[in-house]
Amino acid sequence: MSTAFVLFKCQPQKELGVYLALLEIDNVTETHVAYGEYDLVARVDFEDEVQMANTLIGKMRAIPGVQKTETLIAVEA
């Protein structure tokens, strides 16, 4: 299993809609509001790279109100 943390910059007044849409994605295990350059942070767990690409590109970037994403893929230390 792999884990990624995705940072979201939302269009003004669209944060709640993006937050609620993230809660509907099966692979999203945590979603948090953030203050600073990014508005939301989501933890996403994946079984494989295909599932990761489908979720990150196909689902998350297609959410109305998402302006920008930054994906941080966690690695074992």
N, C-alpha and C. Protein backbone atom coordinates (compact mmCIF):
# COMPACT_ATOMS: atom_id res chain seq x y z
N MET A 1 0.85 -1.18 0.00
CA MET A 1 0.00 0.00 0.00
C MET A 1 0.89 1.23 0.00
N SER A 2 0.50 2.25 -0.77
CA SER A 2 1.22 3.52 -0.83
C SER A 2 0.32 4.63 -0.28
N THR A 3 0.97 5.69 0.18
CA THR A 3 0.24 6.84 0.73
C THR A 3 0.74 8.11 0.06
N ALA A 4 -0.19 9.00 -0.21
CA ALA A 4 0.15 10.33 -0.73
C ALA A 4 -0.64 11.37 0.06
N PHE A 5 -0.05 12.53 0.20
CA PHE A 5 -0.73 13.68 0.79
C PHE A 5 -0.91 14.69 -0.33
N VAL A 6 -2.14 15.12 -0.54
CA VAL A 6 -2.44 16.03 -1.64
C VAL A 6 -2.89 17.37 -1.05
N LEU A 7 -2.22 18.43 -1.46
CA LEU A 7 -2.53 19.79 -1.03
C LEU A 7 -3.39 20.44 -2.11
N PHE A 8 -4.45 21.12 -1.69
CA PHE A 8 -5.39 21.72 -2.62
C PHE A 8 -5.48 23.23 -2.44
N LYS A 9 -5.35 23.94 -3.54
CA LYS A 9 -5.66 25.37 -3.59
C LYS A 9 -7.00 25.45 -4.30
N CYS A 10 -7.98 26.05 -3.65
CA CYS A 10 -9.34 26.11 -4.19
C CYS A 10 -9.67 27.51 -4.70
N GLN A 11 -10.62 27.57 -5.61
CA GLN A 11 -11.14 28.85 -6.03
C GLN A 11 -11.88 29.48 -4.85
N PRO A 12 -11.91 30.80 -4.77
CA PRO A 12 -12.58 31.46 -3.64
C PRO A 12 -14.03 30.97 -3.47
N GLN A 13 -14.38 30.72 -2.22
CA GLN A 13 -15.72 30.29 -1.82
C GLN A 13 -16.08 28.87 -2.29
N LYS A 14 -15.11 28.10 -2.77
CA LYS A 14 -15.38 26.73 -3.24
C LYS A 14 -14.80 25.67 -2.31
N GLU A 15 -14.20 26.10 -1.20
CA GLU A 15 -13.51 25.16 -0.32
C GLU A 15 -14.44 24.07 0.23
N LEU A 16 -15.62 24.45 0.67
CA LEU A 16 -16.55 23.47 1.25
C LEU A 16 -16.96 22.43 0.22
N GLY A 17 -17.25 22.85 -0.99
CA GLY A 17 -17.63 21.91 -2.04
C GLY A 17 -16.53 20.92 -2.35
N VAL A 18 -15.30 21.41 -2.41
CA VAL A 18 -14.15 20.53 -2.66
C VAL A 18 -13.99 19.57 -1.49
N TYR A 19 -14.08 20.08 -0.27
CA TYR A 19 -13.95 19.24 0.94
C TYR A 19 -14.98 18.11 0.91
N LEU A 20 -16.22 18.43 0.62
CA LEU A 20 -17.28 17.42 0.61
C LEU A 20 -17.07 16.42 -0.53
N ALA A 21 -16.58 16.87 -1.67
CA ALA A 21 -16.30 15.96 -2.78
C ALA A 21 -15.18 14.99 -2.44
N LEU A 22 -14.17 15.47 -1.71
CA LEU A 22 -13.07 14.59 -1.31
C LEU A 22 -13.55 13.48 -0.39
N LEU A 23 -14.51 13.78 0.47
CA LEU A 23 -15.04 12.77 1.39
C LEU A 23 -15.73 11.62 0.65
N GLU A 24 -16.15 11.86 -0.59
CA GLU A 24 -16.84 10.83 -1.38
C GLU A 24 -15.88 9.89 -2.13
N ILE A 25 -14.59 10.21 -2.13
CA ILE A 25 -13.61 9.38 -2.84
C ILE A 25 -13.12 8.28 -1.90
N ASP A 26 -13.28 7.03 -2.33
CA ASP A 26 -12.98 5.88 -1.47
C ASP A 26 -11.56 5.86 -0.92
N ASN A 27 -10.58 6.23 -1.71
CA ASN A 27 -9.18 6.14 -1.29
C ASN A 27 -8.77 7.24 -0.32
N VAL A 28 -9.58 8.27 -0.15
CA VAL A 28 -9.25 9.37 0.76
C VAL A 28 -9.54 8.90 2.19
N THR A 29 -8.49 8.86 3.02
CA THR A 29 -8.64 8.39 4.39
C THR A 29 -8.70 9.52 5.40
N GLU A 30 -8.22 10.71 5.03
CA GLU A 30 -8.29 11.89 5.90
C GLU A 30 -8.41 13.12 5.02
N THR A 31 -9.16 14.10 5.51
CA THR A 31 -9.26 15.40 4.83
C THR A 31 -9.25 16.47 5.91
N HIS A 32 -8.43 17.51 5.71
CA HIS A 32 -8.29 18.57 6.70
C HIS A 32 -8.30 19.94 6.03
N VAL A 33 -8.86 20.92 6.71
CA VAL A 33 -8.76 22.31 6.28
C VAL A 33 -7.39 22.82 6.72
N ALA A 34 -6.76 23.61 5.89
CA ALA A 34 -5.44 24.15 6.21
C ALA A 34 -5.45 25.66 6.01
N TYR A 35 -4.60 26.34 6.73
CA TYR A 35 -4.42 27.77 6.55
C TYR A 35 -3.04 28.00 5.99
N GLY A 36 -2.94 28.89 5.03
CA GLY A 36 -1.67 29.16 4.38
C GLY A 36 -1.86 29.17 2.88
N GLU A 37 -0.84 28.77 2.15
CA GLU A 37 -0.89 28.78 0.69
C GLU A 37 -1.94 27.82 0.15
N TYR A 38 -2.16 26.70 0.84
CA TYR A 38 -3.15 25.71 0.41
C TYR A 38 -4.34 25.71 1.35
N ASP A 39 -5.51 25.32 0.84
CA ASP A 39 -6.75 25.37 1.60
C ASP A 39 -7.12 24.05 2.25
N LEU A 40 -6.76 22.93 1.61
CA LEU A 40 -7.13 21.61 2.10
C LEU A 40 -5.96 20.65 1.95
N VAL A 41 -5.94 19.63 2.81
CA VAL A 41 -4.96 18.55 2.72
C VAL A 41 -5.73 17.24 2.82
N ALA A 42 -5.43 16.32 1.91
CA ALA A 42 -6.07 15.00 1.94
C ALA A 42 -5.00 13.92 1.96
N ARG A 43 -5.24 12.91 2.79
CA ARG A 43 -4.40 11.71 2.78
C ARG A 43 -5.10 10.69 1.90
N VAL A 44 -4.34 10.09 1.00
CA VAL A 44 -4.90 9.12 0.07
C VAL A 44 -4.05 7.86 0.12
N ASP A 45 -4.70 6.70 0.29
CA ASP A 45 -4.01 5.42 0.31
C ASP A 45 -4.34 4.65 -0.96
N PHE A 46 -3.32 3.98 -1.55
CA PHE A 46 -3.47 3.30 -2.83
C PHE A 46 -2.95 1.88 -2.75
N GLU A 47 -3.56 1.02 -3.55
CA GLU A 47 -3.07 -0.36 -3.69
C GLU A 47 -1.95 -0.43 -4.73
N ASP A 48 -2.05 0.38 -5.80
CA ASP A 48 -1.05 0.33 -6.87
C ASP A 48 -1.01 1.68 -7.59
N GLU A 49 -0.07 1.80 -8.53
CA GLU A 49 0.12 3.06 -9.24
C GLU A 49 -1.04 3.41 -10.16
N VAL A 50 -1.72 2.42 -10.69
CA VAL A 50 -2.88 2.68 -11.56
C VAL A 50 -3.99 3.33 -10.75
N GLN A 51 -4.26 2.77 -9.57
CA GLN A 51 -5.28 3.34 -8.68
C GLN A 51 -4.88 4.76 -8.27
N MET A 52 -3.60 4.98 -8.02
CA MET A 52 -3.12 6.30 -7.64
C MET A 52 -3.37 7.30 -8.76
N ALA A 53 -3.00 6.96 -9.98
CA ALA A 53 -3.19 7.87 -11.11
C ALA A 53 -4.66 8.15 -11.36
N ASN A 54 -5.50 7.12 -11.30
CA ASN A 54 -6.93 7.32 -11.52
C ASN A 54 -7.54 8.25 -10.48
N THR A 55 -7.10 8.12 -9.24
CA THR A 55 -7.64 8.96 -8.17
C THR A 55 -7.11 10.39 -8.28
N LEU A 56 -5.80 10.54 -8.39
CA LEU A 56 -5.20 11.87 -8.41
C LEU A 56 -5.58 12.67 -9.65
N ILE A 57 -5.49 12.05 -10.80
CA ILE A 57 -5.72 12.78 -12.05
C ILE A 57 -7.20 12.72 -12.45
N GLY A 58 -7.77 11.54 -12.41
CA GLY A 58 -9.13 11.37 -12.90
C GLY A 58 -10.20 11.91 -11.98
N LYS A 59 -10.01 11.80 -10.68
CA LYS A 59 -11.06 12.20 -9.74
C LYS A 59 -10.78 13.54 -9.08
N MET A 60 -9.62 13.68 -8.46
CA MET A 60 -9.35 14.88 -7.65
C MET A 60 -9.23 16.15 -8.47
N ARG A 61 -8.52 16.10 -9.56
CA ARG A 61 -8.35 17.31 -10.38
C ARG A 61 -9.62 17.70 -11.11
N ALA A 62 -10.57 16.77 -11.20
CA ALA A 62 -11.83 17.05 -11.88
C ALA A 62 -12.89 17.66 -10.96
N ILE A 63 -12.59 17.78 -9.67
CA ILE A 63 -13.55 18.35 -8.72
C ILE A 63 -13.73 19.83 -9.04
N PRO A 64 -14.97 20.28 -9.23
CA PRO A 64 -15.21 21.72 -9.48
C PRO A 64 -14.69 22.55 -8.29
N GLY A 65 -13.96 23.60 -8.60
CA GLY A 65 -13.42 24.48 -7.57
C GLY A 65 -11.96 24.24 -7.24
N VAL A 66 -11.39 23.13 -7.74
CA VAL A 66 -9.96 22.88 -7.52
C VAL A 66 -9.17 23.73 -8.49
N GLN A 67 -8.31 24.56 -7.94
CA GLN A 67 -7.50 25.46 -8.77
C GLN A 67 -6.11 24.88 -9.01
N LYS A 68 -5.55 24.23 -7.97
CA LYS A 68 -4.19 23.73 -8.06
C LYS A 68 -4.03 22.60 -7.04
N THR A 69 -3.21 21.59 -7.38
CA THR A 69 -2.89 20.54 -6.43
C THR A 69 -1.38 20.36 -6.36
N GLU A 70 -0.94 19.86 -5.23
CA GLU A 70 0.47 19.49 -5.03
C GLU A 70 0.42 18.12 -4.34
N THR A 71 1.06 17.14 -4.95
CA THR A 71 1.02 15.78 -4.43
C THR A 71 2.38 15.41 -3.83
N LEU A 72 2.33 14.93 -2.60
CA LEU A 72 3.53 14.47 -1.89
C LEU A 72 3.36 12.98 -1.64
N ILE A 73 4.17 12.16 -2.29
CA ILE A 73 4.07 10.71 -2.13
C ILE A 73 5.00 10.28 -1.00
N ALA A 74 4.44 9.62 -0.01
CA ALA A 74 5.22 9.19 1.15
C ALA A 74 6.07 7.97 0.78
N VAL A 75 7.27 7.90 1.36
CA VAL A 75 8.16 6.77 1.14
C VAL A 75 8.61 6.21 2.48
N GLU A 76 8.99 4.97 2.48
CA GLU A 76 9.52 4.35 3.70
C GLU A 76 10.93 4.86 3.95
N ALA A 77 11.21 5.21 5.20
CA ALA A 77 12.56 5.72 5.53
C ALA A 77 13.43 4.61 6.04
